[in-house]
Amino acid sequence: MKKNFIYTLICFLTLSCTTVLEGSYTWDEFIEERSANGDFFFAEATAPDGMVSFGSSNDSQWGANTMATRHCSENSGKICRITQTKALPRKGNLLGIF
């Protein structure tokens, strides 16, 4: 029972902190859209055929990278690689405390 709760909590936290938007966005439009909603970390993943996907996260670059590559791979059927990342500074972040 406790193990299931912890697993569910970890999955929920991972998914709640990352975002992938559907639609056509440029890199800058995606960052503008998601940063307005509180995300700080951004990633672009590209498939061998040139298909591009973006991912973002409010807690880690790893989360943004994971979402971008997973979305890219699911849609292209190929292994994608991270081709661009960006992290915005957190305003009011004092010694890593929010």
PDB file of N, CA and C in Angstrom:
ATOM      1  N   MET A   1       0.821  -1.189   0.000  1.00  0.00           N
ATOM      2  CA  MET A   1       0.000   0.000   0.000  1.00  0.00           C
ATOM      3  C   MET A   1       0.871   1.261   0.000  1.00  0.00           C
ATOM      4  N   LYS A   2       1.841   1.318   0.902  1.00  0.00           N
ATOM      5  CA  LYS A   2       2.722   2.482   0.982  1.00  0.00           C
ATOM      6  C   LYS A   2       3.546   2.629  -0.295  1.00  0.00           C
ATOM      7  N   LYS A   3       3.985   1.498  -0.852  1.00  0.00           N
ATOM      8  CA  LYS A   3       4.784   1.512  -2.076  1.00  0.00           C
ATOM      9  C   LYS A   3       3.968   2.087  -3.239  1.00  0.00           C
ATOM     10  N   ASN A   4       2.705   1.691  -3.345  1.00  0.00           N
ATOM     11  CA  ASN A   4       1.841   2.206  -4.407  1.00  0.00           C
ATOM     12  C   ASN A   4       1.614   3.704  -4.263  1.00  0.00           C
ATOM     13  N   PHE A   5       1.437   4.155  -3.038  1.00  0.00           N
ATOM     14  CA  PHE A   5       1.235   5.580  -2.790  1.00  0.00           C
ATOM     15  C   PHE A   5       2.453   6.386  -3.218  1.00  0.00           C
ATOM     16  N   ILE A   6       3.624   5.918  -2.862  1.00  0.00           N
ATOM     17  CA  ILE A   6       4.864   6.622  -3.208  1.00  0.00           C
ATOM     18  C   ILE A   6       5.048   6.653  -4.721  1.00  0.00           C
ATOM     19  N   TYR A   7       4.795   5.534  -5.393  1.00  0.00           N
ATOM     20  CA  TYR A   7       4.907   5.469  -6.851  1.00  0.00           C
ATOM     21  C   TYR A   7       3.939   6.459  -7.503  1.00  0.00           C
ATOM     22  N   THR A   8       2.694   6.476  -7.041  1.00  0.00           N
ATOM     23  CA  THR A   8       1.690   7.388  -7.582  1.00  0.00           C
ATOM     24  C   THR A   8       2.092   8.839  -7.350  1.00  0.00           C
ATOM     25  N   LEU A   9       2.598   9.131  -6.174  1.00  0.00           N
ATOM     26  CA  LEU A   9       3.029  10.488  -5.852  1.00  0.00           C
ATOM     27  C   LEU A   9       4.171  10.942  -6.757  1.00  0.00           C
ATOM     28  N   ILE A  10       5.148  10.080  -6.973  1.00  0.00           N
ATOM     29  CA  ILE A  10       6.282  10.416  -7.842  1.00  0.00           C
ATOM     30  C   ILE A  10       5.808  10.670  -9.269  1.00  0.00           C
ATOM     31  N   CYS A  11       4.932   9.812  -9.781  1.00  0.00           N
ATOM     32  CA  CYS A  11       4.406   9.998 -11.139  1.00  0.00           C
ATOM     33  C   CYS A  11       3.632  11.306 -11.251  1.00  0.00           C
ATOM     34  N   PHE A  12       2.809  11.583 -10.264  1.00  0.00           N
ATOM     35  CA  PHE A  12       2.022  12.813 -10.279  1.00  0.00           C
ATOM     36  C   PHE A  12       2.921  14.043 -10.263  1.00  0.00           C
ATOM     37  N   LEU A  13       3.914  14.040  -9.397  1.00  0.00           N
ATOM     38  CA  LEU A  13       4.817  15.187  -9.299  1.00  0.00           C
ATOM     39  C   LEU A  13       5.596  15.400 -10.583  1.00  0.00           C
ATOM     40  N   THR A  14       6.044  14.321 -11.193  1.00  0.00           N
ATOM     41  CA  THR A  14       6.788  14.427 -12.448  1.00  0.00           C
ATOM     42  C   THR A  14       5.921  15.027 -13.542  1.00  0.00           C
ATOM     43  N   LEU A  15       4.696  14.548 -13.656  1.00  0.00           N
ATOM     44  CA  LEU A  15       3.817  15.037 -14.704  1.00  0.00           C
ATOM     45  C   LEU A  15       3.303  16.440 -14.424  1.00  0.00           C
ATOM     46  N   SER A  16       3.130  16.792 -13.178  1.00  0.00           N
ATOM     47  CA  SER A  16       2.588  18.108 -12.859  1.00  0.00           C
ATOM     48  C   SER A  16       3.608  19.220 -13.054  1.00  0.00           C
ATOM     49  N   CYS A  17       4.868  18.889 -13.137  1.00  0.00           N
ATOM     50  CA  CYS A  17       5.918  19.905 -13.246  1.00  0.00           C
ATOM     51  C   CYS A  17       6.424  20.084 -14.663  1.00  0.00           C
ATOM     52  N   THR A  18       5.894  19.332 -15.606  1.00  0.00           N
ATOM     53  CA  THR A  18       6.377  19.406 -16.974  1.00  0.00           C
ATOM     54  C   THR A  18       5.212  19.651 -17.925  1.00  0.00           C
ATOM     55  N   THR A  19       5.507  20.221 -19.076  1.00  0.00           N
ATOM     56  CA  THR A  19       4.457  20.572 -20.018  1.00  0.00           C
ATOM     57  C   THR A  19       4.931  20.375 -21.450  1.00  0.00           C
ATOM     58  N   VAL A  20       4.043  19.868 -22.273  1.00  0.00           N
ATOM     59  CA  VAL A  20       4.252  19.849 -23.718  1.00  0.00           C
ATOM     60  C   VAL A  20       2.984  20.405 -24.341  1.00  0.00           C
ATOM     61  N   LEU A  21       3.105  21.399 -25.210  1.00  0.00           N
ATOM     62  CA  LEU A  21       1.953  21.993 -25.871  1.00  0.00           C
ATOM     63  C   LEU A  21       1.789  21.404 -27.258  1.00  0.00           C
ATOM     64  N   GLU A  22       0.547  21.244 -27.670  1.00  0.00           N
ATOM     65  CA  GLU A  22       0.254  20.805 -29.029  1.00  0.00           C
ATOM     66  C   GLU A  22       0.119  22.049 -29.908  1.00  0.00           C
ATOM     67  N   GLY A  23       0.419  21.914 -31.177  1.00  0.00           N
ATOM     68  CA  GLY A  23       0.270  23.025 -32.096  1.00  0.00           C
ATOM     69  C   GLY A  23       1.594  23.435 -32.702  1.00  0.00           C
ATOM     70  N   SER A  24       1.546  24.497 -33.477  1.00  0.00           N
ATOM     71  CA  SER A  24       2.739  25.002 -34.149  1.00  0.00           C
ATOM     72  C   SER A  24       3.275  26.217 -33.409  1.00  0.00           C
ATOM     73  N   TYR A  25       4.458  26.074 -32.884  1.00  0.00           N
ATOM     74  CA  TYR A  25       5.122  27.147 -32.153  1.00  0.00           C
ATOM     75  C   TYR A  25       6.550  27.279 -32.655  1.00  0.00           C
ATOM     76  N   THR A  26       7.058  28.498 -32.634  1.00  0.00           N
ATOM     77  CA  THR A  26       8.495  28.677 -32.797  1.00  0.00           C
ATOM     78  C   THR A  26       9.108  28.516 -31.413  1.00  0.00           C
ATOM     79  N   TRP A  27      10.417  28.372 -31.356  1.00  0.00           N
ATOM     80  CA  TRP A  27      11.129  28.244 -30.084  1.00  0.00           C
ATOM     81  C   TRP A  27      10.795  29.429 -29.175  1.00  0.00           C
ATOM     82  N   ASP A  28      10.879  30.640 -29.704  1.00  0.00           N
ATOM     83  CA  ASP A  28      10.622  31.837 -28.900  1.00  0.00           C
ATOM     84  C   ASP A  28       9.164  31.934 -28.454  1.00  0.00           C
ATOM     85  N   GLU A  29       8.224  31.574 -29.329  1.00  0.00           N
ATOM     86  CA  GLU A  29       6.805  31.589 -28.954  1.00  0.00           C
ATOM     87  C   GLU A  29       6.523  30.591 -27.838  1.00  0.00           C
ATOM     88  N   PHE A  30       7.131  29.413 -27.941  1.00  0.00           N
ATOM     89  CA  PHE A  30       6.937  28.388 -26.917  1.00  0.00           C
ATOM     90  C   PHE A  30       7.449  28.883 -25.563  1.00  0.00           C
ATOM     91  N   ILE A  31       8.641  29.454 -25.552  1.00  0.00           N
ATOM     92  CA  ILE A  31       9.211  29.962 -24.299  1.00  0.00           C
ATOM     93  C   ILE A  31       8.337  31.080 -23.727  1.00  0.00           C
ATOM     94  N   GLU A  32       7.874  31.971 -24.575  1.00  0.00           N
ATOM     95  CA  GLU A  32       7.013  33.065 -24.113  1.00  0.00           C
ATOM     96  C   GLU A  32       5.717  32.523 -23.504  1.00  0.00           C
ATOM     97  N   GLU A  33       5.095  31.579 -24.177  1.00  0.00           N
ATOM     98  CA  GLU A  33       3.832  30.983 -23.704  1.00  0.00           C
ATOM     99  C   GLU A  33       4.010  30.276 -22.366  1.00  0.00           C
ATOM    100  N   ARG A  34       5.019  29.420 -22.284  1.00  0.00           N
ATOM    101  CA  ARG A  34       5.194  28.616 -21.072  1.00  0.00           C
ATOM    102  C   ARG A  34       5.802  29.410 -19.918  1.00  0.00           C
ATOM    103  N   SER A  35       6.652  30.377 -20.197  1.00  0.00           N
ATOM    104  CA  SER A  35       7.211  31.172 -19.096  1.00  0.00           C
ATOM    105  C   SER A  35       6.122  32.035 -18.460  1.00  0.00           C
ATOM    106  N   ALA A  36       5.129  32.436 -19.245  1.00  0.00           N
ATOM    107  CA  ALA A  36       4.000  33.188 -18.695  1.00  0.00           C
ATOM    108  C   ALA A  36       3.193  32.334 -17.721  1.00  0.00           C
ATOM    109  N   ASN A  37       3.298  31.016 -17.851  1.00  0.00           N
ATOM    110  CA  ASN A  37       2.598  30.087 -16.962  1.00  0.00           C
ATOM    111  C   ASN A  37       3.504  29.522 -15.878  1.00  0.00           C
ATOM    112  N   GLY A  38       4.688  30.095 -15.714  1.00  0.00           N
ATOM    113  CA  GLY A  38       5.538  29.721 -14.595  1.00  0.00           C
ATOM    114  C   GLY A  38       6.654  28.735 -14.867  1.00  0.00           C
ATOM    115  N   ASP A  39       6.871  28.345 -16.114  1.00  0.00           N
ATOM    116  CA  ASP A  39       7.970  27.423 -16.406  1.00  0.00           C
ATOM    117  C   ASP A  39       9.278  28.197 -16.566  1.00  0.00           C
ATOM    118  N   PHE A  40      10.370  27.566 -16.145  1.00  0.00           N
ATOM    119  CA  PHE A  40      11.700  28.182 -16.193  1.00  0.00           C
ATOM    120  C   PHE A  40      12.667  27.435 -17.109  1.00  0.00           C
ATOM    121  N   PHE A  41      12.390  26.158 -17.391  1.00  0.00           N
ATOM    122  CA  PHE A  41      13.313  25.307 -18.147  1.00  0.00           C
ATOM    123  C   PHE A  41      12.653  24.863 -19.448  1.00  0.00           C
ATOM    124  N   PHE A  42      13.421  24.905 -20.544  1.00  0.00           N
ATOM    125  CA  PHE A  42      12.873  24.633 -21.867  1.00  0.00           C
ATOM    126  C   PHE A  42      13.828  23.752 -22.663  1.00  0.00           C
ATOM    127  N   ALA A  43      13.250  22.911 -23.535  1.00  0.00           N
ATOM    128  CA  ALA A  43      14.068  22.025 -24.368  1.00  0.00           C
ATOM    129  C   ALA A  43      13.419  21.848 -25.733  1.00  0.00           C
ATOM    130  N   GLU A  44      14.265  21.671 -26.715  1.00  0.00           N
ATOM    131  CA  GLU A  44      13.845  21.353 -28.073  1.00  0.00           C
ATOM    132  C   GLU A  44      14.471  20.019 -28.430  1.00  0.00           C
ATOM    133  N   ALA A  45      13.664  19.096 -28.943  1.00  0.00           N
ATOM    134  CA  ALA A  45      14.170  17.799 -29.399  1.00  0.00           C
ATOM    135  C   ALA A  45      13.865  17.667 -30.884  1.00  0.00           C
ATOM    136  N   THR A  46      14.800  17.085 -31.626  1.00  0.00           N
ATOM    137  CA  THR A  46      14.651  16.937 -33.069  1.00  0.00           C
ATOM    138  C   THR A  46      14.828  15.483 -33.469  1.00  0.00           C
ATOM    139  N   ALA A  47      13.924  15.013 -34.339  1.00  0.00           N
ATOM    140  CA  ALA A  47      13.988  13.656 -34.877  1.00  0.00           C
ATOM    141  C   ALA A  47      14.908  13.646 -36.094  1.00  0.00           C
ATOM    142  N   PRO A  48      15.388  12.465 -36.496  1.00  0.00           N
ATOM    143  CA  PRO A  48      16.250  12.381 -37.684  1.00  0.00           C
ATOM    144  C   PRO A  48      15.602  12.946 -38.951  1.00  0.00           C
ATOM    145  N   ASP A  49      14.256  12.892 -39.024  1.00  0.00           N
ATOM    146  CA  ASP A  49      13.567  13.424 -40.202  1.00  0.00           C
ATOM    147  C   ASP A  49      13.303  14.928 -40.112  1.00  0.00           C
ATOM    148  N   GLY A  50      13.755  15.567 -39.021  1.00  0.00           N
ATOM    149  CA  GLY A  50      13.620  17.010 -38.875  1.00  0.00           C
ATOM    150  C   GLY A  50      12.436  17.466 -38.044  1.00  0.00           C
ATOM    151  N   MET A  51      11.564  16.536 -37.623  1.00  0.00           N
ATOM    152  CA  MET A  51      10.437  16.909 -36.782  1.00  0.00           C
ATOM    153  C   MET A  51      10.942  17.447 -35.443  1.00  0.00           C
ATOM    154  N   VAL A  52      10.345  18.535 -34.968  1.00  0.00           N
ATOM    155  CA  VAL A  52      10.789  19.197 -33.737  1.00  0.00           C
ATOM    156  C   VAL A  52       9.667  19.186 -32.710  1.00  0.00           C
ATOM    157  N   SER A  53      10.027  18.944 -31.461  1.00  0.00           N
ATOM    158  CA  SER A  53       9.091  19.035 -30.338  1.00  0.00           C
ATOM    159  C   SER A  53       9.740  19.844 -29.230  1.00  0.00           C
ATOM    160  N   PHE A  54       8.904  20.533 -28.472  1.00  0.00           N
ATOM    161  CA  PHE A  54       9.375  21.323 -27.341  1.00  0.00           C
ATOM    162  C   PHE A  54       8.823  20.757 -26.045  1.00  0.00           C
ATOM    163  N   GLY A  55       9.560  20.947 -24.972  1.00  0.00           N
ATOM    164  CA  GLY A  55       9.098  20.584 -23.637  1.00  0.00           C
ATOM    165  C   GLY A  55       9.524  21.652 -22.657  1.00  0.00           C
ATOM    166  N   SER A  56       8.774  21.768 -21.561  1.00  0.00           N
ATOM    167  CA  SER A  56       9.136  22.748 -20.533  1.00  0.00           C
ATOM    168  C   SER A  56       8.849  22.181 -19.157  1.00  0.00           C
ATOM    169  N   SER A  57       9.459  22.795 -18.169  1.00  0.00           N
ATOM    170  CA  SER A  57       9.282  22.352 -16.789  1.00  0.00           C
ATOM    171  C   SER A  57       9.458  23.538 -15.855  1.00  0.00           C
ATOM    172  N   ASN A  58       8.796  23.458 -14.711  1.00  0.00           N
ATOM    173  CA  ASN A  58       8.986  24.525 -13.731  1.00  0.00           C
ATOM    174  C   ASN A  58       9.978  24.135 -12.657  1.00  0.00           C
ATOM    175  N   ASP A  59      10.527  22.897 -12.740  1.00  0.00           N
ATOM    176  CA  ASP A  59      11.434  22.474 -11.670  1.00  0.00           C
ATOM    177  C   ASP A  59      12.799  21.973 -12.108  1.00  0.00           C
ATOM    178  N   SER A  60      12.976  21.558 -13.373  1.00  0.00           N
ATOM    179  CA  SER A  60      14.300  21.058 -13.764  1.00  0.00           C
ATOM    180  C   SER A  60      14.481  21.039 -15.279  1.00  0.00           C
ATOM    181  N   GLN A  61      15.729  21.165 -15.698  1.00  0.00           N
ATOM    182  CA  GLN A  61      16.046  21.031 -17.114  1.00  0.00           C
ATOM    183  C   GLN A  61      15.824  19.595 -17.556  1.00  0.00           C
ATOM    184  N   TRP A  62      16.126  18.648 -16.667  1.00  0.00           N
ATOM    185  CA  TRP A  62      15.906  17.233 -16.973  1.00  0.00           C
ATOM    186  C   TRP A  62      14.443  16.983 -17.325  1.00  0.00           C
ATOM    187  N   GLY A  63      13.522  17.585 -16.568  1.00  0.00           N
ATOM    188  CA  GLY A  63      12.096  17.410 -16.842  1.00  0.00           C
ATOM    189  C   GLY A  63      11.712  17.937 -18.212  1.00  0.00           C
ATOM    190  N   ALA A  64      12.223  19.103 -18.574  1.00  0.00           N
ATOM    191  CA  ALA A  64      11.933  19.678 -19.888  1.00  0.00           C
ATOM    192  C   ALA A  64      12.526  18.815 -21.000  1.00  0.00           C
ATOM    193  N   ASN A  65      13.763  18.361 -20.810  1.00  0.00           N
ATOM    194  CA  ASN A  65      14.419  17.504 -21.806  1.00  0.00           C
ATOM    195  C   ASN A  65      13.643  16.207 -22.002  1.00  0.00           C
ATOM    196  N   THR A  66      13.233  15.595 -20.901  1.00  0.00           N
ATOM    197  CA  THR A  66      12.510  14.325 -20.958  1.00  0.00           C
ATOM    198  C   THR A  66      11.198  14.477 -21.711  1.00  0.00           C
ATOM    199  N   MET A  67      10.459  15.528 -21.411  1.00  0.00           N
ATOM    200  CA  MET A  67       9.180  15.734 -22.087  1.00  0.00           C
ATOM    201  C   MET A  67       9.369  15.995 -23.576  1.00  0.00           C
ATOM    202  N   ALA A  68      10.353  16.792 -23.938  1.00  0.00           N
ATOM    203  CA  ALA A  68      10.581  17.095 -25.354  1.00  0.00           C
ATOM    204  C   ALA A  68      10.989  15.846 -26.131  1.00  0.00           C
ATOM    205  N   THR A  69      11.930  15.062 -25.590  1.00  0.00           N
ATOM    206  CA  THR A  69      12.379  13.863 -26.315  1.00  0.00           C
ATOM    207  C   THR A  69      11.288  12.804 -26.370  1.00  0.00           C
ATOM    208  N   ARG A  70      10.532  12.651 -25.296  1.00  0.00           N
ATOM    209  CA  ARG A  70       9.456  11.652 -25.308  1.00  0.00           C
ATOM    210  C   ARG A  70       8.382  12.022 -26.320  1.00  0.00           C
ATOM    211  N   HIS A  71       7.959  13.274 -26.317  1.00  0.00           N
ATOM    212  CA  HIS A  71       6.942  13.733 -27.258  1.00  0.00           C
ATOM    213  C   HIS A  71       7.432  13.577 -28.697  1.00  0.00           C
ATOM    214  N   CYS A  72       8.675  13.944 -28.941  1.00  0.00           N
ATOM    215  CA  CYS A  72       9.269  13.832 -30.270  1.00  0.00           C
ATOM    216  C   CYS A  72       9.330  12.371 -30.725  1.00  0.00           C
ATOM    217  N   SER A  73       9.806  11.502 -29.851  1.00  0.00           N
ATOM    218  CA  SER A  73       9.936  10.081 -30.194  1.00  0.00           C
ATOM    219  C   SER A  73       8.582   9.421 -30.421  1.00  0.00           C
ATOM    220  N   GLU A  74       7.591   9.771 -29.594  1.00  0.00           N
ATOM    221  CA  GLU A  74       6.253   9.199 -29.757  1.00  0.00           C
ATOM    222  C   GLU A  74       5.637   9.609 -31.084  1.00  0.00           C
ATOM    223  N   ASN A  75       5.864  10.838 -31.512  1.00  0.00           N
ATOM    224  CA  ASN A  75       5.260  11.327 -32.750  1.00  0.00           C
ATOM    225  C   ASN A  75       6.036  10.954 -34.005  1.00  0.00           C
ATOM    226  N   SER A  76       7.336  10.794 -33.894  1.00  0.00           N
ATOM    227  CA  SER A  76       8.141  10.484 -35.080  1.00  0.00           C
ATOM    228  C   SER A  76       8.428   8.993 -35.222  1.00  0.00           C
ATOM    229  N   GLY A  77       8.362   8.261 -34.106  1.00  0.00           N
ATOM    230  CA  GLY A  77       8.723   6.848 -34.130  1.00  0.00           C
ATOM    231  C   GLY A  77      10.225   6.627 -34.193  1.00  0.00           C
ATOM    232  N   LYS A  78      10.985   7.672 -33.996  1.00  0.00           N
ATOM    233  CA  LYS A  78      12.449   7.611 -34.056  1.00  0.00           C
ATOM    234  C   LYS A  78      13.044   8.073 -32.734  1.00  0.00           C
ATOM    235  N   ILE A  79      14.330   7.809 -32.557  1.00  0.00           N
ATOM    236  CA  ILE A  79      15.033   8.316 -31.384  1.00  0.00           C
ATOM    237  C   ILE A  79      15.407   9.767 -31.656  1.00  0.00           C
ATOM    238  N   CYS A  80      14.966  10.650 -30.781  1.00  0.00           N
ATOM    239  CA  CYS A  80      15.213  12.081 -30.943  1.00  0.00           C
ATOM    240  C   CYS A  80      16.346  12.521 -30.031  1.00  0.00           C
ATOM    241  N   ARG A  81      16.927  13.661 -30.366  1.00  0.00           N
ATOM    242  CA  ARG A  81      17.989  14.197 -29.516  1.00  0.00           C
ATOM    243  C   ARG A  81      17.678  15.646 -29.178  1.00  0.00           C
ATOM    244  N   ILE A  82      18.175  16.072 -28.025  1.00  0.00           N
ATOM    245  CA  ILE A  82      18.003  17.457 -27.596  1.00  0.00           C
ATOM    246  C   ILE A  82      18.889  18.338 -28.467  1.00  0.00           C
ATOM    247  N   THR A  83      18.286  19.354 -29.084  1.00  0.00           N
ATOM    248  CA  THR A  83      19.038  20.238 -29.970  1.00  0.00           C
ATOM    249  C   THR A  83      19.152  21.662 -29.430  1.00  0.00           C
ATOM    250  N   GLN A  84      18.371  21.975 -28.385  1.00  0.00           N
ATOM    251  CA  GLN A  84      18.433  23.322 -27.828  1.00  0.00           C
ATOM    252  C   GLN A  84      17.821  23.316 -26.427  1.00  0.00           C
ATOM    253  N   THR A  85      18.433  24.043 -25.521  1.00  0.00           N
ATOM    254  CA  THR A  85      17.879  24.192 -24.169  1.00  0.00           C
ATOM    255  C   THR A  85      18.008  25.643 -23.725  1.00  0.00           C
ATOM    256  N   LYS A  86      17.187  25.991 -22.751  1.00  0.00           N
ATOM    257  CA  LYS A  86      17.262  27.331 -22.172  1.00  0.00           C
ATOM    258  C   LYS A  86      16.689  27.277 -20.765  1.00  0.00           C
ATOM    259  N   ALA A  87      17.314  27.998 -19.862  1.00  0.00           N
ATOM    260  CA  ALA A  87      16.810  28.132 -18.492  1.00  0.00           C
ATOM    261  C   ALA A  87      16.707  29.615 -18.165  1.00  0.00           C
ATOM    262  N   LEU A  88      15.557  30.027 -17.696  1.00  0.00           N
ATOM    263  CA  LEU A  88      15.358  31.418 -17.304  1.00  0.00           C
ATOM    264  C   LEU A  88      15.685  31.586 -15.828  1.00  0.00           C
ATOM    265  N   PRO A  89      16.173  32.757 -15.448  1.00  0.00           N
ATOM    266  CA  PRO A  89      16.450  32.987 -14.022  1.00  0.00           C
ATOM    267  C   PRO A  89      15.148  33.082 -13.237  1.00  0.00           C
ATOM    268  N   ARG A  90      15.193  32.586 -12.027  1.00  0.00           N
ATOM    269  CA  ARG A  90      14.024  32.687 -11.142  1.00  0.00           C
ATOM    270  C   ARG A  90      14.104  34.010 -10.402  1.00  0.00           C
ATOM    271  N   LYS A  91      13.047  34.765 -10.455  1.00  0.00           N
ATOM    272  CA  LYS A  91      13.011  36.058  -9.768  1.00  0.00           C
ATOM    273  C   LYS A  91      12.693  35.842  -8.293  1.00  0.00           C
ATOM    274  N   GLY A  92      13.416  36.534  -7.436  1.00  0.00           N
ATOM    275  CA  GLY A  92      13.153  36.451  -6.009  1.00  0.00           C
ATOM    276  C   GLY A  92      13.641  35.181  -5.363  1.00  0.00           C
ATOM    277  N   ASN A  93      14.492  34.435  -6.047  1.00  0.00           N
ATOM    278  CA  ASN A  93      15.007  33.183  -5.506  1.00  0.00           C
ATOM    279  C   ASN A  93      16.215  33.488  -4.633  1.00  0.00           C
ATOM    280  N   LEU A  94      16.062  33.381  -3.337  1.00  0.00           N
ATOM    281  CA  LEU A  94      17.125  33.684  -2.397  1.00  0.00           C
ATOM    282  C   LEU A  94      17.732  32.388  -1.875  1.00  0.00           C
ATOM    283  N   LEU A  95      18.968  32.123  -2.263  1.00  0.00           N
ATOM    284  CA  LEU A  95      19.695  30.928  -1.819  1.00  0.00           C
ATOM    285  C   LEU A  95      18.950  29.638  -2.126  1.00  0.00           C
ATOM    286  N   GLY A  96      18.258  29.604  -3.265  1.00  0.00           N
ATOM    287  CA  GLY A  96      17.564  28.391  -3.676  1.00  0.00           C
ATOM    288  C   GLY A  96      16.238  28.165  -2.976  1.00  0.00           C
ATOM    289  N   ILE A  97      15.776  29.118  -2.174  1.00  0.00           N
ATOM    290  CA  ILE A  97      14.500  28.984  -1.480  1.00  0.00           C
ATOM    291  C   ILE A  97      13.483  29.843  -2.212  1.00  0.00           C
ATOM    292  N   PHE A  98      12.340  29.258  -2.535  1.00  0.00           N
ATOM    293  CA  PHE A  98      11.319  29.982  -3.304  1.00  0.00           C
ATOM    294  C   PHE A  98      10.507  30.878  -2.402  1.00  0.00           C
TER     295      PHE A  98
END
